Amino acid sequence: MNRCKYCGKKIEPSQDFCGLPCEKQYNRQMTQDQRKIKFFTAGMLVGFLVMLGGVLSLRDALVAAGIILMGAVVAVFPFTTPETNALLGSRNARLVGRILGVLLIAVGIWVGYP
């Protein structure tokens, strides 16, 4: 049994979606994601550079700020792997991505806490 690409419900092997609403939502989401990928990449790069600067200067606050920034980017732009999308469906995979982004923010706060 395959799963719907959007909601993750079990469907027949010859189908990609459980219905037309899921297919429309999936296509809309993919179109929006194509425009947002540059912001995700820039945010992750800036977060990594801030974290790297903190590591090189031995400042825990900068390391924490970089981790928090990357967590915020993941929470706002929860892009997930195709394998995760196939397993959970795009909607549920995005939810998991947001949860992991919030956990990354929590780790950043924990690292920066004196």
C-alpha atoms as a PDB file:
ATOM      1  CA  MET A   1       0.000   0.000   0.000  1.00  0.00           C
ATOM      2  CA  ASN A   2       1.192   3.486  -0.890  1.00  0.00           C
ATOM      3  CA  ARG A   3       0.523   6.578   1.153  1.00  0.00           C
ATOM      4  CA  CYS A   4      -0.960   9.877   0.035  1.00  0.00           C
ATOM      5  CA  LYS A   5       1.846  12.352  -0.664  1.00  0.00           C
ATOM      6  CA  TYR A   6       0.053  15.072   1.282  1.00  0.00           C
ATOM      7  CA  CYS A   7      -1.884  13.606   4.220  1.00  0.00           C
ATOM      8  CA  GLY A   8      -0.196  10.195   4.585  1.00  0.00           C
ATOM      9  CA  LYS A   9      -3.353   8.055   4.367  1.00  0.00           C
ATOM     10  CA  LYS A  10      -3.002   4.585   2.889  1.00  0.00           C
ATOM     11  CA  ILE A  11      -4.064   4.465  -0.761  1.00  0.00           C
ATOM     12  CA  GLU A  12      -3.993   2.074  -3.710  1.00  0.00           C
ATOM     13  CA  PRO A  13      -0.591   1.464  -5.336  1.00  0.00           C
ATOM     14  CA  SER A  14      -1.662   3.115  -8.595  1.00  0.00           C
ATOM     15  CA  GLN A  15      -2.490   6.453  -6.901  1.00  0.00           C
ATOM     16  CA  ASP A  16      -0.366   9.289  -5.535  1.00  0.00           C
ATOM     17  CA  PHE A  17      -3.074  11.146  -3.592  1.00  0.00           C
ATOM     18  CA  CYS A  18      -6.210  10.137  -1.708  1.00  0.00           C
ATOM     19  CA  GLY A  19      -8.257  12.816  -3.436  1.00  0.00           C
ATOM     20  CA  LEU A  20      -8.251  16.037  -5.415  1.00  0.00           C
ATOM     21  CA  PRO A  21      -8.089  18.341  -2.336  1.00  0.00           C
ATOM     22  CA  CYS A  22      -4.866  16.671  -1.158  1.00  0.00           C
ATOM     23  CA  GLU A  23      -3.367  16.913  -4.635  1.00  0.00           C
ATOM     24  CA  LYS A  24      -4.197  20.639  -4.863  1.00  0.00           C
ATOM     25  CA  GLN A  25      -2.797  21.332  -1.380  1.00  0.00           C
ATOM     26  CA  TYR A  26       0.385  19.378  -2.174  1.00  0.00           C
ATOM     27  CA  ASN A  27       0.957  21.242  -5.455  1.00  0.00           C
ATOM     28  CA  ARG A  28       0.307  24.595  -3.763  1.00  0.00           C
ATOM     29  CA  GLN A  29       2.719  23.724  -0.977  1.00  0.00           C
ATOM     30  CA  MET A  30       5.451  22.655  -3.406  1.00  0.00           C
ATOM     31  CA  THR A  31       5.064  25.892  -5.392  1.00  0.00           C
ATOM     32  CA  GLN A  32       5.393  27.972  -2.228  1.00  0.00           C
ATOM     33  CA  ASP A  33       8.375  25.942  -1.036  1.00  0.00           C
ATOM     34  CA  GLN A  34      10.293  26.639  -4.247  1.00  0.00           C
ATOM     35  CA  ARG A  35      10.125  30.378  -3.509  1.00  0.00           C
ATOM     36  CA  LYS A  36      11.152  29.968   0.161  1.00  0.00           C
ATOM     37  CA  ILE A  37      14.179  27.690  -0.266  1.00  0.00           C
ATOM     38  CA  LYS A  38      16.563  30.644  -0.737  1.00  0.00           C
ATOM     39  CA  PHE A  39      15.505  32.123   2.626  1.00  0.00           C
ATOM     40  CA  PHE A  40      15.965  28.733   4.307  1.00  0.00           C
ATOM     41  CA  THR A  41      19.447  28.362   2.839  1.00  0.00           C
ATOM     42  CA  ALA A  42      20.474  31.907   3.781  1.00  0.00           C
ATOM     43  CA  GLY A  43      19.144  31.535   7.330  1.00  0.00           C
ATOM     44  CA  MET A  44      20.918  28.238   7.877  1.00  0.00           C
ATOM     45  CA  LEU A  45      24.164  29.663   6.472  1.00  0.00           C
ATOM     46  CA  VAL A  46      24.008  32.742   8.717  1.00  0.00           C
ATOM     47  CA  GLY A  47      23.164  30.585  11.748  1.00  0.00           C
ATOM     48  CA  PHE A  48      26.057  28.267  10.999  1.00  0.00           C
ATOM     49  CA  LEU A  49      28.480  31.171  10.570  1.00  0.00           C
ATOM     50  CA  VAL A  50      27.352  32.738  13.872  1.00  0.00           C
ATOM     51  CA  MET A  51      27.769  29.386  15.604  1.00  0.00           C
ATOM     52  CA  LEU A  52      31.190  28.866  14.004  1.00  0.00           C
ATOM     53  CA  GLY A  53      32.250  32.352  15.094  1.00  0.00           C
ATOM     54  CA  GLY A  54      31.202  31.479  18.632  1.00  0.00           C
ATOM     55  CA  VAL A  55      33.185  28.261  18.566  1.00  0.00           C
ATOM     56  CA  LEU A  56      36.304  29.985  17.238  1.00  0.00           C
ATOM     57  CA  SER A  57      36.053  32.847  19.738  1.00  0.00           C
ATOM     58  CA  LEU A  58      35.079  30.512  22.611  1.00  0.00           C
ATOM     59  CA  ARG A  59      31.877  32.429  23.344  1.00  0.00           C
ATOM     60  CA  ASP A  60      28.973  30.261  24.407  1.00  0.00           C
ATOM     61  CA  ALA A  61      26.481  33.062  23.760  1.00  0.00           C
ATOM     62  CA  LEU A  62      27.379  33.176  20.060  1.00  0.00           C
ATOM     63  CA  VAL A  63      27.201  29.393  19.752  1.00  0.00           C
ATOM     64  CA  ALA A  64      23.776  29.470  21.374  1.00  0.00           C
ATOM     65  CA  ALA A  65      22.632  32.336  19.132  1.00  0.00           C
ATOM     66  CA  GLY A  66      23.660  30.377  16.031  1.00  0.00           C
ATOM     67  CA  ILE A  67      21.816  27.272  17.199  1.00  0.00           C
ATOM     68  CA  ILE A  68      18.723  29.288  18.105  1.00  0.00           C
ATOM     69  CA  LEU A  69      18.795  31.017  14.703  1.00  0.00           C
ATOM     70  CA  MET A  70      19.021  27.683  12.888  1.00  0.00           C
ATOM     71  CA  GLY A  71      16.191  26.309  15.026  1.00  0.00           C
ATOM     72  CA  ALA A  72      14.027  29.311  14.188  1.00  0.00           C
ATOM     73  CA  VAL A  73      14.726  28.866  10.488  1.00  0.00           C
ATOM     74  CA  VAL A  74      13.764  25.185  10.666  1.00  0.00           C
ATOM     75  CA  ALA A  75      10.597  26.029  12.621  1.00  0.00           C
ATOM     76  CA  VAL A  76       9.548  28.685  10.089  1.00  0.00           C
ATOM     77  CA  PHE A  77      10.619  26.750   6.985  1.00  0.00           C
ATOM     78  CA  PRO A  78      10.156  23.058   7.903  1.00  0.00           C
ATOM     79  CA  PHE A  79      11.580  21.449   4.766  1.00  0.00           C
ATOM     80  CA  THR A  80      11.894  17.691   5.152  1.00  0.00           C
ATOM     81  CA  THR A  81      13.516  14.927   3.170  1.00  0.00           C
ATOM     82  CA  PRO A  82      11.637  13.049   0.436  1.00  0.00           C
ATOM     83  CA  GLU A  83      11.946   9.879   2.518  1.00  0.00           C
ATOM     84  CA  THR A  84      10.230  11.539   5.485  1.00  0.00           C
ATOM     85  CA  ASN A  85       7.515  12.865   3.190  1.00  0.00           C
ATOM     86  CA  ALA A  86       6.952   9.374   1.764  1.00  0.00           C
ATOM     87  CA  LEU A  87       6.744   7.857   5.237  1.00  0.00           C
ATOM     88  CA  LEU A  88       4.518  10.429   6.957  1.00  0.00           C
ATOM     89  CA  GLY A  89       2.979  12.491   4.177  1.00  0.00           C
ATOM     90  CA  SER A  90       3.977  16.078   3.496  1.00  0.00           C
ATOM     91  CA  ARG A  91       1.617  17.632   6.057  1.00  0.00           C
ATOM     92  CA  ASN A  92       2.762  15.413   8.944  1.00  0.00           C
ATOM     93  CA  ALA A  93       6.425  15.668   7.930  1.00  0.00           C
ATOM     94  CA  ARG A  94       6.194  19.459   8.126  1.00  0.00           C
ATOM     95  CA  LEU A  95       4.725  19.160  11.626  1.00  0.00           C
ATOM     96  CA  VAL A  96       7.628  16.939  12.682  1.00  0.00           C
ATOM     97  CA  GLY A  97      10.038  19.450  11.119  1.00  0.00           C
ATOM     98  CA  ARG A  98       8.508  22.291  13.124  1.00  0.00           C
ATOM     99  CA  ILE A  99       8.726  20.266  16.335  1.00  0.00           C
ATOM    100  CA  LEU A 100      12.398  19.536  15.661  1.00  0.00           C
ATOM    101  CA  GLY A 101      12.993  23.236  14.996  1.00  0.00           C
ATOM    102  CA  VAL A 102      11.494  24.121  18.380  1.00  0.00           C
ATOM    103  CA  LEU A 103      13.662  21.444  20.019  1.00  0.00           C
ATOM    104  CA  LEU A 104      16.705  22.972  18.334  1.00  0.00           C
ATOM    105  CA  ILE A 105      15.759  26.356  19.806  1.00  0.00           C
ATOM    106  CA  ALA A 106      15.519  24.690  23.232  1.00  0.00           C
ATOM    107  CA  VAL A 107      18.992  23.179  22.759  1.00  0.00           C
ATOM    108  CA  GLY A 108      20.338  26.634  21.856  1.00  0.00           C
ATOM    109  CA  ILE A 109      18.839  28.102  25.009  1.00  0.00           C
ATOM    110  CA  TRP A 110      20.307  25.255  27.055  1.00  0.00           C
ATOM    111  CA  VAL A 111      23.764  25.770  25.528  1.00  0.00           C
ATOM    112  CA  GLY A 112      23.676  29.506  26.164  1.00  0.00           C
ATOM    113  CA  TYR A 113      22.379  29.270  29.700  1.00  0.00           C
ATOM    114  CA  PRO A 114      25.270  30.055  32.085  1.00  0.00           C
END
